[in-house]
Amino acid sequence: MNVVPRSSFNYKEALAWLYGLQRFGIKLGLENIRRLIDELSRRGDLQIALDSWKANAPWKVIHVAGTNGKGSVCAMIDSICRAHGYRTGLFISPHLVTFRERIRVNAEMISEEAVADDVTMIRDLSSDWDPHPTFFEVTTALALKHFCDAKIDVAILETGLGGRLDATNAVQSDVSVITPIGLDHEKWLGHTLAEIAGEKAGIIKPSVPVVSAPQQPHAEEVIRARAAECGSPVQFVNETYHRSPVALRGEYQKQNAAVAIAAIQAANTQLGEKAIVRGLAAVEWPARFQKWDQRTIIDGAHNPAAARALAETWREIFGDQKATLVLAVLSDKNLRDICGALAPIAAAVLLPKIRSERAVAPAELAKIFSIITPSLPHSITSTIGDALMLALEKPGPILITGSLHFAGEVLAHLHGEPAAFEECEQ
């Protein structure tokens, strides 16, 4: 292929081009990412071909799908592996404040220079493709290229949406990990638990071990059937981890820790007890019951199951003390169930207008609260800053939640940084 030289991007230009790819929307499928990996391999940028990835892969691949807990499990795997001395590559989505959070080597975010250089190269490589690669496909290729350049030992890949047709599924894994499955992203993944589980279980590959968190019966049945079809051994991790402290708060994080440990072991990766203890004690993952200050908790709970887990963790930490709830939710979510899960732990609710075009109007959330809990005080604010000022005027703790996009916008505001301008699911 003759690639016509074009001007190189700087970091801001690379991001603008990447975000511009959102006009192609979300296109689930593996054709484009396989083509990208193939082309990069031929150029020597990935050093290995897609169809011989498993035989020649220079690093272990731990692939994680699920509805809730994916990010926490990935962060724990990464932290434990680094504590053991492995050089890790971590690919997650979405980001909270900066795009660079998505791609990390040994906990260090990809540099602006690497993003600019490699996005320029991928742009030139795919400029005449039809269909054109999407935002997430290019970002996945960017991560794989960066990991190869960094000569990592272990790659931890979080699916962006679903699993079966997610771009990360083009990579041959050493273990397939599935966190708790619930109803979310029904537009793309199906309207029943079994349908969604089928998409998540699509990351299971022939003869590759499967590690799963406890699942609801319909989801477990689908996972077992897919594993049997692929001849893959499957382990459901029903115990929780209690041998040492876990830095992330909440009883459910102890379940995530047990899944993370089992995943590393299933990948046939050497692992010592000291590394487990150090890794779990040191793990950091923003917007997962994150304590911002003595009064303020930030959590990205974005669906009913996550909201229920958040409410349970709130009671574990704060007992009967209720929160000033600052809430913003995306419009494609189950609004009534999210509000219903959070209302019992709220003393008052503040509903700010946020930047995301996908956010539901605060007035719609106010209407839901007026129906399900008429006695719960709630008010609408024009900005996040106004909501936070009002929350600080009230006594007691503050809980900011409803969406990872919202959590990222709040963190950017608190850090005094510009908010990320990305709207896509992945």
Protein backbone atom coordinates (compact mmCIF):
# COMPACT_ATOMS: atom_id res chain seq x y z
CA MET A 1 0.00 0.00 0.00
CA ASN A 2 1.34 3.45 -0.89
CA VAL A 3 0.85 5.81 2.02
CA VAL A 4 0.87 9.46 1.02
CA PRO A 5 2.85 11.49 3.57
CA ARG A 6 0.79 14.06 5.45
CA SER A 7 1.61 16.53 8.17
CA SER A 8 2.18 14.98 11.58
CA PHE A 9 -0.24 15.60 14.44
CA ASN A 10 0.63 17.24 17.70
CA TYR A 11 -1.21 15.87 20.75
CA LYS A 12 -4.19 18.22 20.55
CA GLU A 13 -4.59 17.60 16.84
CA ALA A 14 -4.39 13.83 17.38
CA LEU A 15 -7.18 13.99 19.96
CA ALA A 16 -9.30 16.20 17.72
CA TRP A 17 -8.94 13.68 14.88
CA LEU A 18 -9.68 10.76 17.22
CA TYR A 19 -12.81 12.38 18.64
CA GLY A 20 -13.84 13.25 15.11
CA LEU A 21 -14.05 9.52 14.42
CA GLN A 22 -17.13 9.42 16.64
CA ARG A 23 -19.09 10.42 13.55
CA PHE A 24 -18.67 6.78 12.51
CA GLY A 25 -20.45 5.80 15.74
CA ILE A 26 -20.10 2.46 17.50
CA LYS A 27 -19.61 -0.39 15.03
CA LEU A 28 -19.31 -3.73 16.75
CA GLY A 29 -17.20 -6.13 14.73
CA LEU A 30 -13.65 -7.39 14.39
CA GLU A 31 -12.85 -6.86 10.70
CA ASN A 32 -11.30 -3.41 11.02
CA ILE A 33 -9.26 -4.09 14.15
CA ARG A 34 -7.92 -7.31 12.62
CA ARG A 35 -6.95 -5.36 9.53
CA LEU A 36 -5.24 -2.71 11.65
CA ILE A 37 -3.29 -5.33 13.59
CA ASP A 38 -2.34 -7.08 10.35
CA GLU A 39 -1.12 -3.87 8.74
CA LEU A 40 0.85 -2.82 11.82
CA SER A 41 2.39 -6.29 12.00
CA ARG A 42 3.49 -6.15 8.35
CA ARG A 43 5.14 -2.80 9.01
CA GLY A 44 7.00 -4.30 11.97
CA ASP A 45 5.13 -2.12 14.47
CA LEU A 46 3.55 -5.08 16.28
CA GLN A 47 6.24 -7.63 15.38
CA ILE A 48 3.72 -10.48 15.18
CA ALA A 49 0.83 -11.39 12.92
CA LEU A 50 -2.72 -11.61 14.19
CA ASP A 51 -3.29 -15.25 13.26
CA SER A 52 -0.10 -16.40 14.99
CA TRP A 53 -0.50 -14.14 18.01
CA LYS A 54 -0.83 -16.93 20.55
CA ALA A 55 2.19 -18.87 19.37
CA ASN A 56 4.48 -15.87 19.21
CA ALA A 57 3.01 -13.39 21.68
CA PRO A 58 5.74 -11.67 23.65
CA TRP A 59 3.43 -11.11 26.61
CA LYS A 60 0.56 -12.70 28.52
CA VAL A 61 -2.90 -11.31 27.80
CA ILE A 62 -5.62 -11.13 30.48
CA HIS A 63 -8.92 -10.13 28.85
CA VAL A 64 -11.73 -8.78 31.07
CA ALA A 65 -15.43 -8.38 30.23
CA GLY A 66 -18.56 -7.92 32.35
CA THR A 67 -21.11 -5.29 33.33
CA ASN A 68 -19.79 -4.08 36.69
CA GLY A 69 -16.37 -4.27 38.29
CA LYS A 70 -14.30 -4.60 35.09
CA GLY A 71 -12.19 -1.55 35.83
CA SER A 72 -11.56 -2.47 39.45
CA VAL A 73 -10.55 -6.03 38.54
CA CYS A 74 -8.21 -4.73 35.82
CA ALA A 75 -6.64 -2.25 38.26
CA MET A 76 -6.12 -5.00 40.84
CA ILE A 77 -4.54 -7.37 38.30
CA ASP A 78 -2.26 -4.56 37.17
CA SER A 79 -1.24 -3.59 40.70
CA ILE A 80 -0.57 -7.18 41.80
CA CYS A 81 1.47 -7.97 38.69
CA ARG A 82 3.56 -4.82 39.13
CA ALA A 83 4.13 -5.70 42.78
CA HIS A 84 5.53 -9.04 41.61
CA GLY A 85 7.91 -7.25 39.26
CA TYR A 86 6.12 -7.74 35.94
CA ARG A 87 6.06 -4.90 33.43
CA THR A 88 2.38 -4.33 32.72
CA GLY A 89 0.27 -2.77 30.00
CA LEU A 90 -3.22 -1.65 31.05
CA PHE A 91 -5.95 -0.71 28.54
CA ILE A 92 -9.22 0.56 30.00
CA SER A 93 -12.24 2.67 29.03
CA PRO A 94 -13.72 5.14 29.36
CA HIS A 95 -11.27 7.68 30.73
CA LEU A 96 -12.29 10.15 33.43
CA VAL A 97 -10.26 13.33 32.84
CA THR A 98 -7.63 12.71 30.17
CA PHE A 99 -7.53 10.34 27.20
CA ARG A 100 -4.05 9.19 28.28
CA GLU A 101 -5.59 7.32 31.25
CA ARG A 102 -6.76 4.63 28.84
CA ILE A 103 -3.28 3.31 28.01
CA ARG A 104 -0.65 2.78 30.72
CA VAL A 105 2.63 0.95 31.07
CA ASN A 106 3.67 0.18 34.64
CA ALA A 107 1.00 2.64 35.83
CA GLU A 108 2.45 5.46 33.69
CA MET A 109 0.04 6.99 31.21
CA ILE A 110 0.98 7.02 27.55
CA SER A 111 2.86 10.21 26.68
CA GLU A 112 1.38 12.98 24.58
CA GLU A 113 4.20 12.43 22.09
CA ALA A 114 3.42 8.73 21.69
CA VAL A 115 -0.28 9.49 21.14
CA ALA A 116 0.56 12.12 18.52
CA ASP A 117 3.10 9.98 16.66
CA ASP A 118 1.13 6.73 16.63
CA VAL A 119 -2.24 8.31 15.84
CA THR A 120 -0.57 10.09 12.91
CA MET A 121 0.76 6.75 11.69
CA ILE A 122 -2.63 5.00 12.07
CA ARG A 123 -4.40 7.90 10.32
CA ASP A 124 -2.07 7.63 7.34
CA LEU A 125 -2.40 3.85 7.28
CA SER A 126 -6.21 3.83 7.26
CA SER A 127 -7.07 7.09 5.47
CA ASP A 128 -8.73 5.39 2.47
CA TRP A 129 -10.42 2.52 4.29
CA ASP A 130 -14.11 1.88 3.82
CA PRO A 131 -15.45 1.38 6.41
CA HIS A 132 -13.11 3.65 8.31
CA PRO A 133 -11.89 2.49 11.74
CA THR A 134 -13.87 3.86 14.68
CA PHE A 135 -12.60 5.77 17.70
CA PHE A 136 -12.36 2.61 19.80
CA GLU A 137 -10.72 0.53 17.07
CA VAL A 138 -7.98 3.11 16.58
CA THR A 139 -7.54 3.46 20.36
CA THR A 140 -7.21 -0.32 20.71
CA ALA A 141 -4.57 -0.44 17.98
CA LEU A 142 -2.78 2.49 19.61
CA ALA A 143 -2.66 0.58 22.91
CA LEU A 144 -1.30 -2.61 21.34
CA LYS A 145 1.37 -0.65 19.47
CA HIS A 146 2.38 1.14 22.67
CA PHE A 147 2.58 -2.14 24.61
CA CYS A 148 4.82 -3.70 21.96
CA ASP A 149 7.10 -0.66 21.98
CA ALA A 150 7.30 -0.81 25.78
CA LYS A 151 8.16 -4.55 25.83
CA ILE A 152 5.66 -5.42 28.54
CA ASP A 153 5.27 -8.81 30.26
CA VAL A 154 1.51 -8.79 30.91
CA ALA A 155 -1.30 -6.98 29.06
CA ILE A 156 -4.62 -6.36 30.82
CA LEU A 157 -7.34 -5.52 28.29
CA GLU A 158 -10.76 -4.27 29.35
CA THR A 159 -13.56 -4.62 26.81
CA GLY A 160 -15.17 -1.38 25.72
CA LEU A 161 -18.68 -2.68 25.03
CA GLY A 162 -19.89 -6.27 25.25
CA GLY A 163 -17.18 -8.72 24.32
CA ARG A 164 -17.90 -10.94 21.33
CA LEU A 165 -17.60 -8.10 18.79
CA ASP A 166 -15.51 -5.71 20.87
CA ALA A 167 -12.23 -4.65 19.27
CA THR A 168 -10.21 -6.10 22.16
CA ASN A 169 -11.53 -9.55 21.23
CA ALA A 170 -9.29 -9.65 18.15
CA VAL A 171 -6.38 -10.37 20.50
CA GLN A 172 -5.62 -13.93 21.55
CA SER A 173 -5.85 -14.11 25.34
CA ASP A 174 -4.29 -16.37 27.95
CA VAL A 175 -7.32 -16.12 30.25
CA SER A 176 -10.86 -14.79 29.79
CA VAL A 177 -12.27 -13.00 32.83
CA ILE A 178 -15.96 -12.17 33.30
CA THR A 179 -17.10 -9.87 36.09
CA PRO A 180 -20.75 -9.68 37.29
CA ILE A 181 -23.22 -9.37 34.41
CA GLY A 182 -26.34 -7.23 34.61
CA LEU A 183 -28.69 -5.27 32.39
CA ASP A 184 -26.87 -2.38 30.70
CA HIS A 185 -26.27 -1.15 27.15
CA GLU A 186 -29.38 -3.05 26.07
CA LYS A 187 -29.49 -1.12 22.78
CA TRP A 188 -26.31 -2.90 21.72
CA LEU A 189 -26.18 -6.12 23.73
CA GLY A 190 -29.75 -7.37 24.08
CA HIS A 191 -32.68 -6.94 26.44
CA THR A 192 -32.34 -10.09 28.55
CA LEU A 193 -29.64 -11.24 30.91
CA ALA A 194 -29.02 -14.31 28.75
CA GLU A 195 -28.55 -12.20 25.60
CA ILE A 196 -26.13 -9.85 27.34
CA ALA A 197 -24.26 -12.78 28.89
CA GLY A 198 -23.92 -14.27 25.41
CA GLU A 199 -22.14 -11.12 24.22
CA LYS A 200 -19.86 -11.01 27.28
CA ALA A 201 -19.08 -14.73 27.03
CA GLY A 202 -18.00 -14.13 23.44
CA ILE A 203 -14.50 -13.38 24.77
CA ILE A 204 -14.12 -17.07 25.63
CA LYS A 205 -11.73 -18.70 23.17
CA PRO A 206 -10.95 -22.37 22.45
CA SER A 207 -9.00 -24.06 25.25
CA VAL A 208 -8.36 -20.75 27.05
CA PRO A 209 -9.19 -20.81 30.80
CA VAL A 210 -12.20 -18.82 32.00
CA VAL A 211 -12.46 -17.10 35.39
CA SER A 212 -15.84 -15.68 36.36
CA ALA A 213 -17.31 -13.81 39.29
CA PRO A 214 -20.53 -15.28 40.71
CA GLN A 215 -23.35 -14.78 38.22
CA GLN A 216 -27.11 -14.89 38.19
CA PRO A 217 -28.37 -18.31 37.04
CA HIS A 218 -29.21 -17.35 33.44
CA ALA A 219 -25.81 -15.70 32.96
CA GLU A 220 -23.93 -18.59 34.55
CA GLU A 221 -25.72 -21.04 32.28
CA VAL A 222 -24.65 -19.10 29.17
CA ILE A 223 -21.03 -18.86 30.34
CA ARG A 224 -20.84 -22.58 31.11
CA ALA A 225 -22.34 -23.44 27.72
CA ARG A 226 -19.89 -21.22 25.83
CA ALA A 227 -16.93 -22.60 27.81
CA ALA A 228 -18.05 -26.17 27.07
CA GLU A 229 -18.42 -25.36 23.37
CA CYS A 230 -14.85 -24.02 23.33
CA GLY A 231 -13.39 -26.80 25.47
CA SER A 232 -12.29 -24.16 27.97
CA PRO A 233 -11.96 -24.89 31.70
CA VAL A 234 -14.17 -22.52 33.72
CA GLN A 235 -13.82 -21.40 37.33
CA PHE A 236 -16.50 -19.47 39.19
CA VAL A 237 -14.89 -17.57 42.05
CA ASN A 238 -17.46 -17.64 44.84
CA GLU A 239 -15.19 -16.77 47.75
CA THR A 240 -14.08 -13.29 48.77
CA TYR A 241 -10.55 -12.17 49.66
CA HIS A 242 -9.91 -11.49 53.35
CA ARG A 243 -6.24 -12.32 53.89
CA SER A 244 -5.03 -8.70 53.80
CA PRO A 245 -6.39 -5.15 53.33
CA VAL A 246 -7.78 -4.05 49.95
CA ALA A 247 -7.27 -0.34 49.24
CA LEU A 248 -10.58 -0.05 47.34
CA ARG A 249 -13.47 0.18 49.78
CA GLY A 250 -16.58 -1.96 49.83
CA GLU A 251 -17.25 -5.64 50.45
CA TYR A 252 -17.76 -6.21 46.71
CA GLN A 253 -14.15 -5.15 46.11
CA LYS A 254 -13.04 -8.18 48.13
CA GLN A 255 -14.94 -10.31 45.63
CA ASN A 256 -13.21 -8.43 42.81
CA ALA A 257 -9.87 -9.08 44.49
CA ALA A 258 -10.53 -12.83 44.56
CA VAL A 259 -11.40 -12.75 40.85
CA ALA A 260 -8.24 -10.77 40.05
CA ILE A 261 -6.01 -13.25 41.89
CA ALA A 262 -7.67 -16.24 40.21
CA ALA A 263 -7.26 -14.58 36.80
CA ILE A 264 -3.51 -14.07 37.24
CA GLN A 265 -3.10 -17.65 38.40
CA ALA A 266 -5.19 -19.01 35.51
CA ALA A 267 -2.92 -17.18 33.07
CA ASN A 268 -0.14 -19.44 34.35
CA THR A 269 1.69 -16.37 35.65
CA GLN A 270 3.93 -16.79 38.67
CA LEU A 271 2.51 -15.00 41.68
CA GLY A 272 3.73 -14.75 45.27
CA GLU A 273 1.66 -13.99 48.36
CA LYS A 274 3.75 -10.88 49.09
CA ALA A 275 2.90 -9.46 45.68
CA ILE A 276 -0.81 -10.06 46.31
CA VAL A 277 -0.67 -8.28 49.66
CA ARG A 278 1.37 -5.34 48.34
CA GLY A 279 -0.63 -5.02 45.14
CA LEU A 280 -4.05 -4.99 46.79
CA ALA A 281 -2.89 -2.57 49.48
CA ALA A 282 -1.57 -0.15 46.85
CA VAL A 283 -4.25 -0.37 44.14
CA GLU A 284 -5.75 2.96 43.08
CA TRP A 285 -8.86 3.40 40.96
CA PRO A 286 -10.52 6.83 40.84
CA ALA A 287 -14.30 7.25 41.03
CA ARG A 288 -14.83 3.90 42.75
CA PHE A 289 -16.00 5.04 46.18
CA GLN A 290 -13.15 7.52 46.00
CA LYS A 291 -12.68 9.63 49.11
CA TRP A 292 -11.96 13.12 47.76
CA ASP A 293 -11.87 14.81 51.18
CA GLN A 294 -13.24 14.18 54.66
CA ARG A 295 -16.82 14.74 53.49
CA THR A 296 -16.93 13.83 49.82
CA ILE A 297 -17.21 10.47 48.05
CA ILE A 298 -17.11 10.16 44.24
CA ASP A 299 -18.38 6.99 42.57
CA GLY A 300 -19.10 6.23 38.92
CA ALA A 301 -22.06 3.89 39.52
CA HIS A 302 -23.98 4.03 36.23
CA ASN A 303 -26.57 1.25 36.30
CA PRO A 304 -28.98 -0.22 38.87
CA ALA A 305 -26.67 -3.02 40.02
CA ALA A 306 -23.80 -0.59 40.53
CA ALA A 307 -26.11 1.84 42.35
CA ARG A 308 -27.26 -0.92 44.69
CA ALA A 309 -23.65 -1.92 45.40
CA LEU A 310 -22.82 1.73 46.04
CA ALA A 311 -25.71 2.07 48.51
CA GLU A 312 -24.57 -1.09 50.30
CA THR A 313 -21.00 0.22 50.56
CA TRP A 314 -22.30 3.56 51.82
CA ARG A 315 -24.08 1.77 54.68
CA GLU A 316 -20.93 -0.27 55.42
CA ILE A 317 -18.89 2.92 55.80
CA PHE A 318 -21.40 5.50 57.05
CA GLY A 319 -24.04 3.38 58.79
CA ASP A 320 -27.34 5.25 59.05
CA GLN A 321 -25.81 8.63 58.17
CA LYS A 322 -27.36 9.91 54.95
CA ALA A 323 -25.73 11.79 52.10
CA THR A 324 -26.28 14.96 50.21
CA LEU A 325 -26.58 13.23 46.85
CA VAL A 326 -25.22 15.04 43.76
CA LEU A 327 -26.54 13.05 40.81
CA ALA A 328 -26.31 13.09 37.01
CA VAL A 329 -27.23 10.10 34.83
CA LEU A 330 -27.02 9.34 31.11
CA SER A 331 -30.36 9.16 29.32
CA ASP A 332 -30.06 5.56 28.08
CA LYS A 333 -29.92 4.16 31.63
CA ASN A 334 -32.67 2.73 33.85
CA LEU A 335 -33.31 6.02 35.62
CA ARG A 336 -36.05 4.87 37.99
CA ASP A 337 -34.08 1.92 39.34
CA ILE A 338 -30.90 3.98 39.80
CA CYS A 339 -32.82 6.68 41.67
CA GLY A 340 -34.68 4.05 43.67
CA ALA A 341 -31.43 2.41 44.78
CA LEU A 342 -29.87 5.70 45.90
CA ALA A 343 -32.86 7.46 47.46
CA PRO A 344 -32.77 5.52 50.78
CA ILE A 345 -29.23 6.76 51.55
CA ALA A 346 -29.97 10.40 50.57
CA ALA A 347 -30.89 13.26 52.89
CA ALA A 348 -31.24 15.63 49.93
CA VAL A 349 -30.58 15.48 46.18
CA LEU A 350 -28.88 18.07 43.97
CA LEU A 351 -29.28 17.65 40.22
CA PRO A 352 -26.78 19.67 38.16
CA LYS A 353 -26.80 20.21 34.43
CA ILE A 354 -23.61 18.69 33.00
CA ARG A 355 -21.73 18.96 29.70
CA SER A 356 -22.55 15.55 28.28
CA GLU A 357 -25.16 15.73 25.53
CA ARG A 358 -26.22 12.23 26.55
CA ALA A 359 -27.12 13.25 30.10
CA VAL A 360 -30.78 13.14 31.06
CA ALA A 361 -32.30 16.53 31.88
CA PRO A 362 -32.17 17.26 35.62
CA ALA A 363 -35.90 18.02 35.52
CA GLU A 364 -36.60 14.44 34.45
CA LEU A 365 -34.64 13.08 37.43
CA ALA A 366 -36.46 15.53 39.70
CA LYS A 367 -39.77 14.17 38.45
CA ILE A 368 -38.71 10.60 39.24
CA PHE A 369 -37.68 11.52 42.79
CA SER A 370 -40.95 13.40 43.34
CA ILE A 371 -42.82 10.21 42.41
CA ILE A 372 -40.79 7.56 44.25
CA THR A 373 -39.81 9.61 47.34
CA PRO A 374 -42.00 12.74 47.56
CA SER A 375 -40.57 13.69 50.97
CA LEU A 376 -36.94 13.73 49.77
CA PRO A 377 -35.80 17.33 49.13
CA HIS A 378 -34.35 17.81 45.66
CA SER A 379 -33.27 20.81 43.61
CA ILE A 380 -31.80 21.55 40.19
CA THR A 381 -28.60 23.55 39.68
CA SER A 382 -27.28 25.09 36.49
CA THR A 383 -23.69 23.89 36.93
CA ILE A 384 -21.57 21.33 38.76
CA GLY A 385 -19.85 24.15 40.65
CA ASP A 386 -23.19 25.42 41.98
CA ALA A 387 -24.18 21.92 43.07
CA LEU A 388 -20.92 21.38 44.94
CA MET A 389 -21.20 24.77 46.68
CA LEU A 390 -24.74 23.98 47.81
CA ALA A 391 -23.68 20.52 48.98
CA LEU A 392 -20.90 22.00 51.12
CA GLU A 393 -23.43 24.29 52.81
CA LYS A 394 -25.38 21.26 54.03
CA PRO A 395 -24.27 19.17 57.02
CA GLY A 396 -22.95 15.66 56.68
CA PRO A 397 -21.25 13.67 53.91
CA ILE A 398 -21.59 14.23 50.17
CA LEU A 399 -22.01 11.52 47.51
CA ILE A 400 -21.36 12.40 43.85
CA THR A 401 -22.48 9.68 41.45
CA GLY A 402 -24.60 8.51 38.50
CA SER A 403 -22.09 8.13 35.66
CA LEU A 404 -18.39 7.71 35.00
CA HIS A 405 -18.69 10.63 32.57
CA PHE A 406 -20.11 12.75 35.40
CA ALA A 407 -17.45 11.54 37.84
CA GLY A 408 -14.77 12.55 35.34
CA GLU A 409 -16.35 15.96 34.85
CA VAL A 410 -16.44 16.48 38.63
CA LEU A 411 -12.82 15.38 39.04
CA ALA A 412 -11.76 17.74 36.26
CA HIS A 413 -13.64 20.57 37.98
CA LEU A 414 -12.06 19.78 41.35
CA HIS A 415 -8.58 19.61 39.80
CA GLY A 416 -9.20 22.84 37.92
CA GLU A 417 -8.67 21.10 34.58
CA PRO A 418 -10.75 21.17 31.40
CA ALA A 419 -13.21 18.28 31.26
CA ALA A 420 -12.72 15.50 28.72
CA PHE A 421 -14.75 16.19 25.58
CA GLU A 422 -15.60 12.65 24.68
CA GLU A 423 -19.13 11.37 24.36
CA CYS A 424 -18.83 7.81 23.07
CA GLU A 425 -19.72 4.75 25.14
CA GLN A 426 -16.29 3.27 24.82
